[in-house]
Amino acid sequence: MRFRIKLKATQPAAVIPINYPYALSAVIFKILHQADEAYAAFLHDRGYSRPGSLKVFKLFSFSEIRTAFRIEGDRFRFLTDEAMFMISFHLPQAAQSFIRGLFLEETIEIGDRRSQAAFVVTEVHPTPTPLENIPDREVREILLQPFSPLVCGTKNDRGYYDFLSPQHPDFVTQLVHNWREKFITMYGEDQADKLFDPVSVEVVMMEKPPKSRLVTIKADTPQETKIRGYTNFRLKVKGAGQALKLLADAGAGVYNSSGMGSLHIL
């Protein structure tokens, strides 16, 4: 399920860090925590994980904030008091009203030690997608475009990611591998074996080459991590309805719950 969330700043000329996605992720987990402590702890501390797997999945994704802005060094200054972002959860449609109620009229704070800004959630609008009515086993082809930098990579000998651009020959292989692992976590390996047989992914280049962006997670802490993601390209994806819905909801690649790999269905 997918929502468009509108924000209104409580003060004019709000300023937040340019690396705001992790801070926004923390806000989302806080809202979930207020509603259901056990549910939020499961998502935040473990994600959906399967026995024997080191993978941790937190199955929601969100876009970049859309607003008029100006970059000032490592700060993001709002030029208007209104903004919006998209968020999607891989949850049953029956949870739609519940999720909407969690966010509506909440006051949220986004920031770091240097600058913070407060916003009121003025609208939480459900946005249906073309995938909702597709039967789980029906194979379709769709076109997707990242709403936020898509991070894809392979682990090196030191346990860190070597990040891949959409033009790298291993990009699609790793993207499908990560998608399949998420699916196994939710639905099991037997189901994945059945539904991933028709899966194919093709990178579609746009007029200009993909844009690279270095994003800092947990800035100014001992856990600070720099990740590289890409935008300005599309993905032509073929698969069964159940697998496509998971990809569209949870996002592509890694670091989805930190604001990476959110997808727009074209």
C-alpha atoms as a PDB file:
ATOM      1  CA  MET A   1       0.000   0.000   0.000  1.00  0.00           C
ATOM      2  CA  ARG A   2       1.148   3.487  -0.834  1.00  0.00           C
ATOM      3  CA  PHE A   3       0.455   6.947   0.588  1.00  0.00           C
ATOM      4  CA  ARG A   4       1.234  10.544  -0.336  1.00  0.00           C
ATOM      5  CA  ILE A   5       2.095  12.406   2.853  1.00  0.00           C
ATOM      6  CA  LYS A   6       1.899  16.194   2.908  1.00  0.00           C
ATOM      7  CA  LEU A   7       3.847  18.257   5.439  1.00  0.00           C
ATOM      8  CA  LYS A   8       3.612  21.847   6.615  1.00  0.00           C
ATOM      9  CA  ALA A   9       6.565  23.434   8.388  1.00  0.00           C
ATOM     10  CA  THR A  10       5.776  25.075  11.729  1.00  0.00           C
ATOM     11  CA  GLN A  11       8.354  27.827  11.079  1.00  0.00           C
ATOM     12  CA  PRO A  12       9.335  29.618   7.837  1.00  0.00           C
ATOM     13  CA  ALA A  13      12.600  28.859   6.012  1.00  0.00           C
ATOM     14  CA  ALA A  14      13.018  25.483   7.694  1.00  0.00           C
ATOM     15  CA  VAL A  15      16.501  23.937   7.506  1.00  0.00           C
ATOM     16  CA  ILE A  16      17.369  20.242   7.796  1.00  0.00           C
ATOM     17  CA  PRO A  17      20.561  18.270   6.990  1.00  0.00           C
ATOM     18  CA  ILE A  18      21.051  17.297   3.368  1.00  0.00           C
ATOM     19  CA  ASN A  19      21.477  13.724   4.623  1.00  0.00           C
ATOM     20  CA  TYR A  20      17.942  13.749   6.060  1.00  0.00           C
ATOM     21  CA  PRO A  21      16.669  10.291   4.914  1.00  0.00           C
ATOM     22  CA  TYR A  22      17.945   8.455   7.997  1.00  0.00           C
ATOM     23  CA  ALA A  23      16.392  11.096  10.278  1.00  0.00           C
ATOM     24  CA  LEU A  24      13.074  10.717   8.440  1.00  0.00           C
ATOM     25  CA  SER A  25      13.366   6.948   8.802  1.00  0.00           C
ATOM     26  CA  ALA A  26      13.759   7.395  12.571  1.00  0.00           C
ATOM     27  CA  VAL A  27      10.579   9.514  12.598  1.00  0.00           C
ATOM     28  CA  ILE A  28       8.658   6.752  10.804  1.00  0.00           C
ATOM     29  CA  PHE A  29       9.829   4.131  13.296  1.00  0.00           C
ATOM     30  CA  LYS A  30       8.857   6.462  16.164  1.00  0.00           C
ATOM     31  CA  ILE A  31       5.325   6.785  14.794  1.00  0.00           C
ATOM     32  CA  LEU A  32       5.047   3.013  14.465  1.00  0.00           C
ATOM     33  CA  HIS A  33       6.386   2.664  17.990  1.00  0.00           C
ATOM     34  CA  GLN A  34       3.666   4.923  19.375  1.00  0.00           C
ATOM     35  CA  ALA A  35       1.022   2.670  17.833  1.00  0.00           C
ATOM     36  CA  ASP A  36       2.419  -0.725  18.630  1.00  0.00           C
ATOM     37  CA  GLU A  37       5.627  -1.071  20.589  1.00  0.00           C
ATOM     38  CA  ALA A  38       6.073  -4.749  19.842  1.00  0.00           C
ATOM     39  CA  TYR A  39       5.490  -4.281  16.100  1.00  0.00           C
ATOM     40  CA  ALA A  40       7.920  -1.370  15.872  1.00  0.00           C
ATOM     41  CA  ALA A  41      10.591  -3.231  17.840  1.00  0.00           C
ATOM     42  CA  PHE A  42      10.266  -6.218  15.536  1.00  0.00           C
ATOM     43  CA  LEU A  43      10.646  -4.040  12.449  1.00  0.00           C
ATOM     44  CA  HIS A  44      13.440  -1.877  13.795  1.00  0.00           C
ATOM     45  CA  ASP A  45      15.532  -4.452  15.596  1.00  0.00           C
ATOM     46  CA  ARG A  46      15.083  -7.527  13.420  1.00  0.00           C
ATOM     47  CA  GLY A  47      13.021  -6.771  10.351  1.00  0.00           C
ATOM     48  CA  TYR A  48      11.523  -9.751   8.563  1.00  0.00           C
ATOM     49  CA  SER A  49      14.329 -12.300   8.854  1.00  0.00           C
ATOM     50  CA  ARG A  50      14.452 -16.009   8.206  1.00  0.00           C
ATOM     51  CA  PRO A  51      16.391 -18.602  10.249  1.00  0.00           C
ATOM     52  CA  GLY A  52      19.997 -18.909   9.153  1.00  0.00           C
ATOM     53  CA  SER A  53      20.005 -15.611   7.277  1.00  0.00           C
ATOM     54  CA  LEU A  54      22.069 -12.562   8.177  1.00  0.00           C
ATOM     55  CA  LYS A  55      19.740 -10.404   6.086  1.00  0.00           C
ATOM     56  CA  VAL A  56      17.479  -7.947   7.863  1.00  0.00           C
ATOM     57  CA  PHE A  57      14.536  -6.490   6.005  1.00  0.00           C
ATOM     58  CA  LYS A  58      12.293  -3.648   7.083  1.00  0.00           C
ATOM     59  CA  LEU A  59       9.603  -3.793   4.473  1.00  0.00           C
ATOM     60  CA  PHE A  60       8.715  -0.200   3.787  1.00  0.00           C
ATOM     61  CA  SER A  61      10.279   2.439   1.558  1.00  0.00           C
ATOM     62  CA  PHE A  62       9.873   6.165   1.093  1.00  0.00           C
ATOM     63  CA  SER A  63      10.775   8.776  -1.476  1.00  0.00           C
ATOM     64  CA  GLU A  64      12.826  11.913  -1.209  1.00  0.00           C
ATOM     65  CA  ILE A  65      11.034  14.991   0.113  1.00  0.00           C
ATOM     66  CA  ARG A  66       9.520  16.977  -2.753  1.00  0.00           C
ATOM     67  CA  THR A  67       9.452  20.749  -2.237  1.00  0.00           C
ATOM     68  CA  ALA A  68      11.084  23.983  -3.377  1.00  0.00           C
ATOM     69  CA  PHE A  69      14.506  24.051  -1.727  1.00  0.00           C
ATOM     70  CA  ARG A  70      18.048  25.410  -1.829  1.00  0.00           C
ATOM     71  CA  ILE A  71      21.224  23.527  -0.913  1.00  0.00           C
ATOM     72  CA  GLU A  72      23.477  25.492   1.459  1.00  0.00           C
ATOM     73  CA  GLY A  73      26.625  23.464   2.082  1.00  0.00           C
ATOM     74  CA  ASP A  74      25.425  20.317   3.836  1.00  0.00           C
ATOM     75  CA  ARG A  75      22.048  21.885   4.724  1.00  0.00           C
ATOM     76  CA  PHE A  76      18.688  21.624   2.914  1.00  0.00           C
ATOM     77  CA  ARG A  77      16.702  24.881   3.176  1.00  0.00           C
ATOM     78  CA  PHE A  78      12.974  24.889   2.405  1.00  0.00           C
ATOM     79  CA  LEU A  79      11.817  27.792   0.220  1.00  0.00           C
ATOM     80  CA  THR A  80       8.174  27.106   1.061  1.00  0.00           C
ATOM     81  CA  ASP A  81       6.436  25.756   4.140  1.00  0.00           C
ATOM     82  CA  GLU A  82       4.806  22.868   2.230  1.00  0.00           C
ATOM     83  CA  ALA A  83       6.354  19.568   1.208  1.00  0.00           C
ATOM     84  CA  MET A  84       5.411  15.966   0.461  1.00  0.00           C
ATOM     85  CA  PHE A  85       6.858  12.485   0.212  1.00  0.00           C
ATOM     86  CA  MET A  86       5.601   9.048  -0.785  1.00  0.00           C
ATOM     87  CA  ILE A  87       5.727   6.034   1.520  1.00  0.00           C
ATOM     88  CA  SER A  88       4.791   2.425   0.856  1.00  0.00           C
ATOM     89  CA  PHE A  89       4.351  -0.546   3.180  1.00  0.00           C
ATOM     90  CA  HIS A  90       4.162  -4.217   2.284  1.00  0.00           C
ATOM     91  CA  LEU A  91       1.045  -4.798   4.359  1.00  0.00           C
ATOM     92  CA  PRO A  92      -2.479  -6.065   3.625  1.00  0.00           C
ATOM     93  CA  GLN A  93      -4.897  -3.484   2.237  1.00  0.00           C
ATOM     94  CA  ALA A  94      -6.971  -3.987   5.384  1.00  0.00           C
ATOM     95  CA  ALA A  95      -4.286  -2.066   7.286  1.00  0.00           C
ATOM     96  CA  GLN A  96      -4.754   1.074   5.177  1.00  0.00           C
ATOM     97  CA  SER A  97      -6.969   2.987   7.615  1.00  0.00           C
ATOM     98  CA  PHE A  98      -4.741   1.957  10.516  1.00  0.00           C
ATOM     99  CA  ILE A  99      -1.592   3.284   8.834  1.00  0.00           C
ATOM    100  CA  ARG A 100      -3.331   6.493   7.735  1.00  0.00           C
ATOM    101  CA  GLY A 101      -4.446   7.162  11.300  1.00  0.00           C
ATOM    102  CA  LEU A 102      -0.900   6.755  12.615  1.00  0.00           C
ATOM    103  CA  PHE A 103       0.492   9.609  10.533  1.00  0.00           C
ATOM    104  CA  LEU A 104      -2.349  12.097  10.132  1.00  0.00           C
ATOM    105  CA  GLU A 105      -1.929  15.302  12.180  1.00  0.00           C
ATOM    106  CA  GLU A 106       1.320  14.065  13.743  1.00  0.00           C
ATOM    107  CA  THR A 107       4.000  16.674  14.426  1.00  0.00           C
ATOM    108  CA  ILE A 108       7.371  15.350  13.362  1.00  0.00           C
ATOM    109  CA  GLU A 109      10.907  16.643  13.766  1.00  0.00           C
ATOM    110  CA  ILE A 110      13.606  16.061  11.172  1.00  0.00           C
ATOM    111  CA  GLY A 111      17.193  17.043  11.861  1.00  0.00           C
ATOM    112  CA  ASP A 112      20.541  16.452  13.490  1.00  0.00           C
ATOM    113  CA  ARG A 113      22.615  18.147  16.171  1.00  0.00           C
ATOM    114  CA  ARG A 114      23.117  21.276  14.052  1.00  0.00           C
ATOM    115  CA  SER A 115      19.649  21.949  12.670  1.00  0.00           C
ATOM    116  CA  GLN A 116      16.119  20.657  13.152  1.00  0.00           C
ATOM    117  CA  ALA A 117      12.711  21.554  11.794  1.00  0.00           C
ATOM    118  CA  ALA A 118       9.209  20.588  12.843  1.00  0.00           C
ATOM    119  CA  PHE A 119       6.395  19.696  10.456  1.00  0.00           C
ATOM    120  CA  VAL A 120       2.715  18.859  10.820  1.00  0.00           C
ATOM    121  CA  VAL A 121       1.343  16.006   8.714  1.00  0.00           C
ATOM    122  CA  THR A 122      -1.617  17.675   7.016  1.00  0.00           C
ATOM    123  CA  GLU A 123      -2.645  14.912   4.623  1.00  0.00           C
ATOM    124  CA  VAL A 124      -2.194  11.147   4.283  1.00  0.00           C
ATOM    125  CA  HIS A 125      -3.655  10.224   0.922  1.00  0.00           C
ATOM    126  CA  PRO A 126      -3.843   6.562  -0.215  1.00  0.00           C
ATOM    127  CA  THR A 127      -2.570   6.226  -3.775  1.00  0.00           C
ATOM    128  CA  PRO A 128      -3.697   3.002  -5.461  1.00  0.00           C
ATOM    129  CA  THR A 129      -1.264   1.366  -7.876  1.00  0.00           C
ATOM    130  CA  PRO A 130      -1.892  -0.696 -11.024  1.00  0.00           C
ATOM    131  CA  LEU A 131      -0.544  -3.746  -9.183  1.00  0.00           C
ATOM    132  CA  GLU A 132      -3.222  -4.010  -6.512  1.00  0.00           C
ATOM    133  CA  ASN A 133      -5.694  -6.032  -8.579  1.00  0.00           C
ATOM    134  CA  ILE A 134      -3.190  -8.296 -10.325  1.00  0.00           C
ATOM    135  CA  PRO A 135      -3.549 -11.966  -9.236  1.00  0.00           C
ATOM    136  CA  ASP A 136      -0.523 -13.215  -7.332  1.00  0.00           C
ATOM    137  CA  ARG A 137       0.508 -15.727  -9.993  1.00  0.00           C
ATOM    138  CA  GLU A 138      -0.277 -13.661 -13.077  1.00  0.00           C
ATOM    139  CA  VAL A 139       2.858 -12.556 -14.934  1.00  0.00           C
ATOM    140  CA  ARG A 140       3.064  -8.904 -15.962  1.00  0.00           C
ATOM    141  CA  GLU A 141       5.699  -6.482 -17.199  1.00  0.00           C
ATOM    142  CA  ILE A 142       5.945  -3.048 -15.579  1.00  0.00           C
ATOM    143  CA  LEU A 143       8.190   0.014 -15.818  1.00  0.00           C
ATOM    144  CA  LEU A 144       9.668   1.453 -12.618  1.00  0.00           C
ATOM    145  CA  GLN A 145      11.738   4.521 -11.822  1.00  0.00           C
ATOM    146  CA  PRO A 146      13.574   5.229  -8.537  1.00  0.00           C
ATOM    147  CA  PHE A 147      11.918   7.895  -6.356  1.00  0.00           C
ATOM    148  CA  SER A 148      15.125   7.985  -4.288  1.00  0.00           C
ATOM    149  CA  PRO A 149      18.716   6.793  -4.863  1.00  0.00           C
ATOM    150  CA  LEU A 150      18.795   3.054  -5.504  1.00  0.00           C
ATOM    151  CA  VAL A 151      21.665   1.335  -3.693  1.00  0.00           C
ATOM    152  CA  CYS A 152      22.923  -1.965  -5.077  1.00  0.00           C
ATOM    153  CA  GLY A 153      26.185  -3.738  -4.328  1.00  0.00           C
ATOM    154  CA  THR A 154      28.208  -6.829  -3.559  1.00  0.00           C
ATOM    155  CA  LYS A 155      29.905  -7.537  -0.244  1.00  0.00           C
ATOM    156  CA  ASN A 156      33.704  -7.483  -0.364  1.00  0.00           C
ATOM    157  CA  ASP A 157      36.185  -9.447   1.786  1.00  0.00           C
ATOM    158  CA  ARG A 158      35.959  -6.799   4.530  1.00  0.00           C
ATOM    159  CA  GLY A 159      32.180  -7.179   4.772  1.00  0.00           C
ATOM    160  CA  TYR A 160      31.450  -3.807   3.171  1.00  0.00           C
ATOM    161  CA  TYR A 161      29.513  -3.125  -0.002  1.00  0.00           C
ATOM    162  CA  ASP A 162      31.172  -2.376  -3.298  1.00  0.00           C
ATOM    163  CA  PHE A 163      28.427  -0.238  -4.810  1.00  0.00           C
ATOM    164  CA  LEU A 164      27.343  -0.889  -8.382  1.00  0.00           C
ATOM    165  CA  SER A 165      26.030   1.560 -10.952  1.00  0.00           C
ATOM    166  CA  PRO A 166      23.067   0.577 -13.165  1.00  0.00           C
ATOM    167  CA  GLN A 167      25.602   0.259 -16.001  1.00  0.00           C
ATOM    168  CA  HIS A 168      27.625  -2.426 -14.185  1.00  0.00           C
ATOM    169  CA  PRO A 169      27.199  -5.961 -15.599  1.00  0.00           C
ATOM    170  CA  ASP A 170      26.410  -7.377 -12.131  1.00  0.00           C
ATOM    171  CA  PHE A 171      23.814  -4.732 -11.237  1.00  0.00           C
ATOM    172  CA  VAL A 172      20.734  -6.669 -12.392  1.00  0.00           C
ATOM    173  CA  THR A 173      21.982  -9.953 -10.898  1.00  0.00           C
ATOM    174  CA  GLN A 174      22.415  -8.377  -7.472  1.00  0.00           C
ATOM    175  CA  LEU A 175      19.126  -6.518  -7.709  1.00  0.00           C
ATOM    176  CA  VAL A 176      17.201  -9.726  -8.448  1.00  0.00           C
ATOM    177  CA  HIS A 177      19.105 -11.619  -5.744  1.00  0.00           C
ATOM    178  CA  ASN A 178      18.143  -9.039  -3.115  1.00  0.00           C
ATOM    179  CA  TRP A 179      14.512  -9.003  -4.320  1.00  0.00           C
ATOM    180  CA  ARG A 180      14.340 -12.808  -4.147  1.00  0.00           C
ATOM    181  CA  GLU A 181      15.834 -12.852  -0.638  1.00  0.00           C
ATOM    182  CA  LYS A 182      13.141 -10.454   0.555  1.00  0.00           C
ATOM    183  CA  PHE A 183      10.507 -12.663  -1.052  1.00  0.00           C
ATOM    184  CA  ILE A 184      11.890 -15.798   0.641  1.00  0.00           C
ATOM    185  CA  THR A 185      11.819 -13.979   3.969  1.00  0.00           C
ATOM    186  CA  MET A 186       8.113 -13.265   3.545  1.00  0.00           C
ATOM    187  CA  TYR A 187       6.818 -16.298   1.676  1.00  0.00           C
ATOM    188  CA  GLY A 188       9.430 -19.069   1.819  1.00  0.00           C
ATOM    189  CA  GLU A 189      11.855 -20.644  -0.597  1.00  0.00           C
ATOM    190  CA  ASP A 190       9.352 -23.032  -2.198  1.00  0.00           C
ATOM    191  CA  GLN A 191       7.094 -20.132  -3.201  1.00  0.00           C
ATOM    192  CA  ALA A 192      10.091 -18.189  -4.508  1.00  0.00           C
ATOM    193  CA  ASP A 193      11.170 -21.139  -6.653  1.00  0.00           C
ATOM    194  CA  LYS A 194       7.728 -21.146  -8.267  1.00  0.00           C
ATOM    195  CA  LEU A 195       7.233 -17.416  -8.778  1.00  0.00           C
ATOM    196  CA  PHE A 196      10.743 -16.229  -9.656  1.00  0.00           C
ATOM    197  CA  ASP A 197      11.157 -18.468 -12.693  1.00  0.00           C
ATOM    198  CA  PRO A 198       9.652 -15.854 -15.082  1.00  0.00           C
ATOM    199  CA  VAL A 199      11.433 -12.891 -13.441  1.00  0.00           C
ATOM    200  CA  SER A 200      13.510 -10.621 -15.650  1.00  0.00           C
ATOM    201  CA  VAL A 201      14.899  -7.114 -15.122  1.00  0.00           C
ATOM    202  CA  GLU A 202      16.285  -4.747 -17.740  1.00  0.00           C
ATOM    203  CA  VAL A 203      17.916  -1.383 -17.031  1.00  0.00           C
ATOM    204  CA  VAL A 204      16.471   1.287 -19.309  1.00  0.00           C
ATOM    205  CA  MET A 205      18.680   4.322 -19.778  1.00  0.00           C
ATOM    206  CA  MET A 206      17.237   7.801 -20.065  1.00  0.00           C
ATOM    207  CA  GLU A 207      18.422  10.732 -22.168  1.00  0.00           C
ATOM    208  CA  LYS A 208      21.077  11.600 -19.567  1.00  0.00           C
ATOM    209  CA  PRO A 209      23.198   8.961 -17.773  1.00  0.00           C
ATOM    210  CA  PRO A 210      22.329   7.753 -14.249  1.00  0.00           C
ATOM    211  CA  LYS A 211      23.113  10.217 -11.469  1.00  0.00           C
ATOM    212  CA  SER A 212      25.321   9.060  -8.602  1.00  0.00           C
ATOM    213  CA  ARG A 213      24.790  10.325  -5.074  1.00  0.00           C
ATOM    214  CA  LEU A 214      26.821   9.671  -1.924  1.00  0.00           C
ATOM    215  CA  VAL A 215      24.538   9.560   1.131  1.00  0.00           C
ATOM    216  CA  THR A 216      25.635   9.521   4.771  1.00  0.00           C
ATOM    217  CA  ILE A 217      23.690   7.331   7.199  1.00  0.00           C
ATOM    218  CA  LYS A 218      23.908   8.036  10.950  1.00  0.00           C
ATOM    219  CA  ALA A 219      26.081  11.100  10.351  1.00  0.00           C
ATOM    220  CA  ASP A 220      28.341  12.300  13.192  1.00  0.00           C
ATOM    221  CA  THR A 221      28.029   9.025  15.131  1.00  0.00           C
ATOM    222  CA  PRO A 222      30.412   6.060  15.548  1.00  0.00           C
ATOM    223  CA  GLN A 223      28.050   4.122  13.244  1.00  0.00           C
ATOM    224  CA  GLU A 224      28.366   6.642  10.384  1.00  0.00           C
ATOM    225  CA  THR A 225      28.173   4.906   7.008  1.00  0.00           C
ATOM    226  CA  LYS A 226      28.484   6.314   3.500  1.00  0.00           C
ATOM    227  CA  ILE A 227      26.468   4.634   0.750  1.00  0.00           C
ATOM    228  CA  ARG A 228      26.199   5.331  -2.967  1.00  0.00           C
ATOM    229  CA  GLY A 229      22.916   5.223  -4.839  1.00  0.00           C
ATOM    230  CA  TYR A 230      21.733   6.068  -8.340  1.00  0.00           C
ATOM    231  CA  THR A 231      18.746   7.813  -9.922  1.00  0.00           C
ATOM    232  CA  ASN A 232      17.791   8.896 -13.453  1.00  0.00           C
ATOM    233  CA  PHE A 233      17.212   5.466 -14.968  1.00  0.00           C
ATOM    234  CA  ARG A 234      14.326   3.023 -15.248  1.00  0.00           C
ATOM    235  CA  LEU A 235      13.758  -0.674 -14.724  1.00  0.00           C
ATOM    236  CA  LYS A 236      11.669  -2.837 -17.033  1.00  0.00           C
ATOM    237  CA  VAL A 237      10.587  -5.661 -14.747  1.00  0.00           C
ATOM    238  CA  LYS A 238       8.714  -8.864 -15.543  1.00  0.00           C
ATOM    239  CA  GLY A 239       7.347 -11.103 -12.823  1.00  0.00           C
ATOM    240  CA  ALA A 240       4.392 -12.629 -11.038  1.00  0.00           C
ATOM    241  CA  GLY A 241       1.967 -10.288  -9.301  1.00  0.00           C
ATOM    242  CA  GLN A 242       2.963 -11.289  -5.774  1.00  0.00           C
ATOM    243  CA  ALA A 243       6.654 -10.669  -6.463  1.00  0.00           C
ATOM    244  CA  LEU A 244       6.008  -7.354  -8.240  1.00  0.00           C
ATOM    245  CA  LYS A 245       3.897  -6.078  -5.334  1.00  0.00           C
ATOM    246  CA  LEU A 246       6.676  -6.830  -2.861  1.00  0.00           C
ATOM    247  CA  LEU A 247       9.254  -5.028  -5.017  1.00  0.00           C
ATOM    248  CA  ALA A 248       7.051  -1.952  -5.470  1.00  0.00           C
ATOM    249  CA  ASP A 249       6.167  -1.766  -1.759  1.00  0.00           C
ATOM    250  CA  ALA A 250       9.475  -2.616  -0.117  1.00  0.00           C
ATOM    251  CA  GLY A 251      11.762  -0.952  -2.656  1.00  0.00           C
ATOM    252  CA  ALA A 252      14.707  -2.212  -4.716  1.00  0.00           C
ATOM    253  CA  GLY A 253      18.260  -2.818  -3.585  1.00  0.00           C
ATOM    254  CA  VAL A 254      19.371  -2.252   0.010  1.00  0.00           C
ATOM    255  CA  TYR A 255      18.859   0.403   2.721  1.00  0.00           C
ATOM    256  CA  ASN A 256      15.173   0.730   1.755  1.00  0.00           C
ATOM    257  CA  SER A 257      13.904   1.668   5.222  1.00  0.00           C
ATOM    258  CA  SER A 258      16.585   4.386   5.314  1.00  0.00           C
ATOM    259  CA  GLY A 259      15.033   6.069   2.288  1.00  0.00           C
ATOM    260  CA  MET A 260      16.846   4.309  -0.559  1.00  0.00           C
ATOM    261  CA  GLY A 261      15.358   2.515  -3.570  1.00  0.00           C
ATOM    262  CA  SER A 262      11.771   3.750  -3.357  1.00  0.00           C
ATOM    263  CA  LEU A 263      10.068   3.066  -6.692  1.00  0.00           C
ATOM    264  CA  HIS A 264       7.534   4.902  -8.846  1.00  0.00           C
ATOM    265  CA  ILE A 265       5.314   2.772 -11.100  1.00  0.00           C
ATOM    266  CA  LEU A 266       5.096   4.399 -14.525  1.00  0.00           C
END
